[in-house]
Amino acid sequence: MITKEKKAGAIKQLARSKDDVGSPEVQVSILTARIKELTEHTKQNKHDFMAKRGLMQMVGQRKKLLKYLEKTNFEAYKTTISALGLRK
């Protein structure tokens, strides 16, 4: 479970404005933070299959959001990828 501080940091990292919490860039940033945290959990708990399933769903959702962002705003897509350290 991601803490409020980590979520606020993820939002602040890529927010378009001060009140932005729903743009695709912010959603990808939050998902990335959750994925990193859940990845560490699954490394320690190899038989937690529900966590693995949730992890795969989050990865799929992030992939869809990045695909949408790439189609609609390529510059924002490039900055999001570079800021989060994702590869494409």
Protein backbone atom coordinates (compact mmCIF):
# COMPACT_ATOMS: atom_id res chain seq x y z
CA MET A 1 0.00 0.00 0.00
CA ILE A 2 1.42 3.33 -1.06
CA THR A 3 1.60 6.02 1.61
CA LYS A 4 0.08 9.49 1.28
CA GLU A 5 3.53 11.06 1.16
CA LYS A 6 4.71 8.83 -1.69
CA LYS A 7 1.51 9.44 -3.61
CA ALA A 8 1.81 13.20 -3.13
CA GLY A 9 5.41 13.06 -4.33
CA ALA A 10 4.39 11.08 -7.41
CA ILE A 11 1.66 13.61 -8.16
CA LYS A 12 3.96 16.59 -7.66
CA GLN A 13 6.58 15.09 -9.97
CA LEU A 14 4.50 15.26 -13.16
CA ALA A 15 1.46 17.44 -12.40
CA ARG A 16 0.49 19.93 -15.07
CA SER A 17 -0.81 22.39 -12.50
CA LYS A 18 -1.12 22.68 -8.72
CA ASP A 19 -4.51 20.94 -8.61
CA ASP A 20 -3.80 18.28 -11.23
CA VAL A 21 -4.45 14.75 -9.94
CA GLY A 22 -6.07 13.04 -12.92
CA SER A 23 -3.99 13.68 -16.01
CA PRO A 24 -2.49 10.62 -17.70
CA GLU A 25 1.02 11.67 -16.67
CA VAL A 26 0.02 11.77 -13.00
CA GLN A 27 -1.85 8.48 -13.24
CA VAL A 28 1.21 6.81 -14.76
CA SER A 29 3.40 8.27 -12.03
CA ILE A 30 1.14 6.95 -9.26
CA LEU A 31 0.91 3.53 -10.90
CA THR A 32 4.69 3.40 -11.22
CA ALA A 33 5.10 4.07 -7.50
CA ARG A 34 2.54 1.38 -6.66
CA ILE A 35 4.19 -1.09 -9.06
CA LYS A 36 7.61 -0.56 -7.49
CA GLU A 37 6.21 -1.15 -4.02
CA LEU A 38 4.27 -4.25 -5.03
CA THR A 39 7.28 -5.64 -6.89
CA GLU A 40 9.27 -5.60 -3.66
CA HIS A 41 6.39 -7.36 -1.89
CA THR A 42 6.20 -10.12 -4.49
CA LYS A 43 9.95 -10.69 -4.32
CA GLN A 44 9.64 -11.43 -0.60
CA ASN A 45 6.34 -13.35 -0.86
CA LYS A 46 6.69 -15.61 -3.88
CA HIS A 47 3.43 -17.49 -3.24
CA ASP A 48 1.21 -14.41 -2.99
CA PHE A 49 -0.55 -14.98 -6.29
CA MET A 50 -3.23 -12.35 -5.75
CA ALA A 51 -0.53 -9.71 -5.36
CA LYS A 52 1.07 -10.93 -8.58
CA ARG A 53 -2.29 -10.70 -10.33
CA GLY A 54 -2.81 -7.16 -9.07
CA LEU A 55 0.70 -6.26 -10.17
CA MET A 56 0.03 -7.52 -13.68
CA GLN A 57 -3.23 -5.53 -13.82
CA MET A 58 -1.40 -2.36 -12.79
CA VAL A 59 1.29 -2.93 -15.40
CA GLY A 60 -1.42 -3.39 -18.06
CA GLN A 61 -3.22 -0.23 -16.96
CA ARG A 62 0.02 1.76 -17.07
CA LYS A 63 0.74 0.38 -20.53
CA LYS A 64 -2.68 1.50 -21.76
CA LEU A 65 -2.25 4.98 -20.30
CA LEU A 66 1.18 5.33 -21.88
CA LYS A 67 -0.19 4.20 -25.24
CA TYR A 68 -2.95 6.81 -24.99
CA LEU A 69 -0.47 9.50 -23.99
CA GLU A 70 1.81 8.57 -26.90
CA LYS A 71 -1.05 8.95 -29.37
CA THR A 72 -2.42 12.22 -28.02
CA ASN A 73 0.60 14.16 -26.75
CA PHE A 74 3.97 12.75 -27.77
CA GLU A 75 6.04 15.42 -26.01
CA ALA A 76 4.32 14.72 -22.68
CA TYR A 77 4.86 11.01 -23.33
CA LYS A 78 8.61 11.50 -23.80
CA THR A 79 8.96 13.63 -20.67
CA THR A 80 6.94 11.12 -18.62
CA ILE A 81 9.05 8.20 -19.79
CA SER A 82 12.30 10.00 -19.04
CA ALA A 83 11.14 11.36 -15.66
CA LEU A 84 10.03 7.95 -14.42
CA GLY A 85 12.94 6.02 -15.90
CA LEU A 86 10.73 3.73 -17.98
CA ARG A 87 11.92 2.17 -21.18
CA LYS A 88 10.10 2.01 -24.45
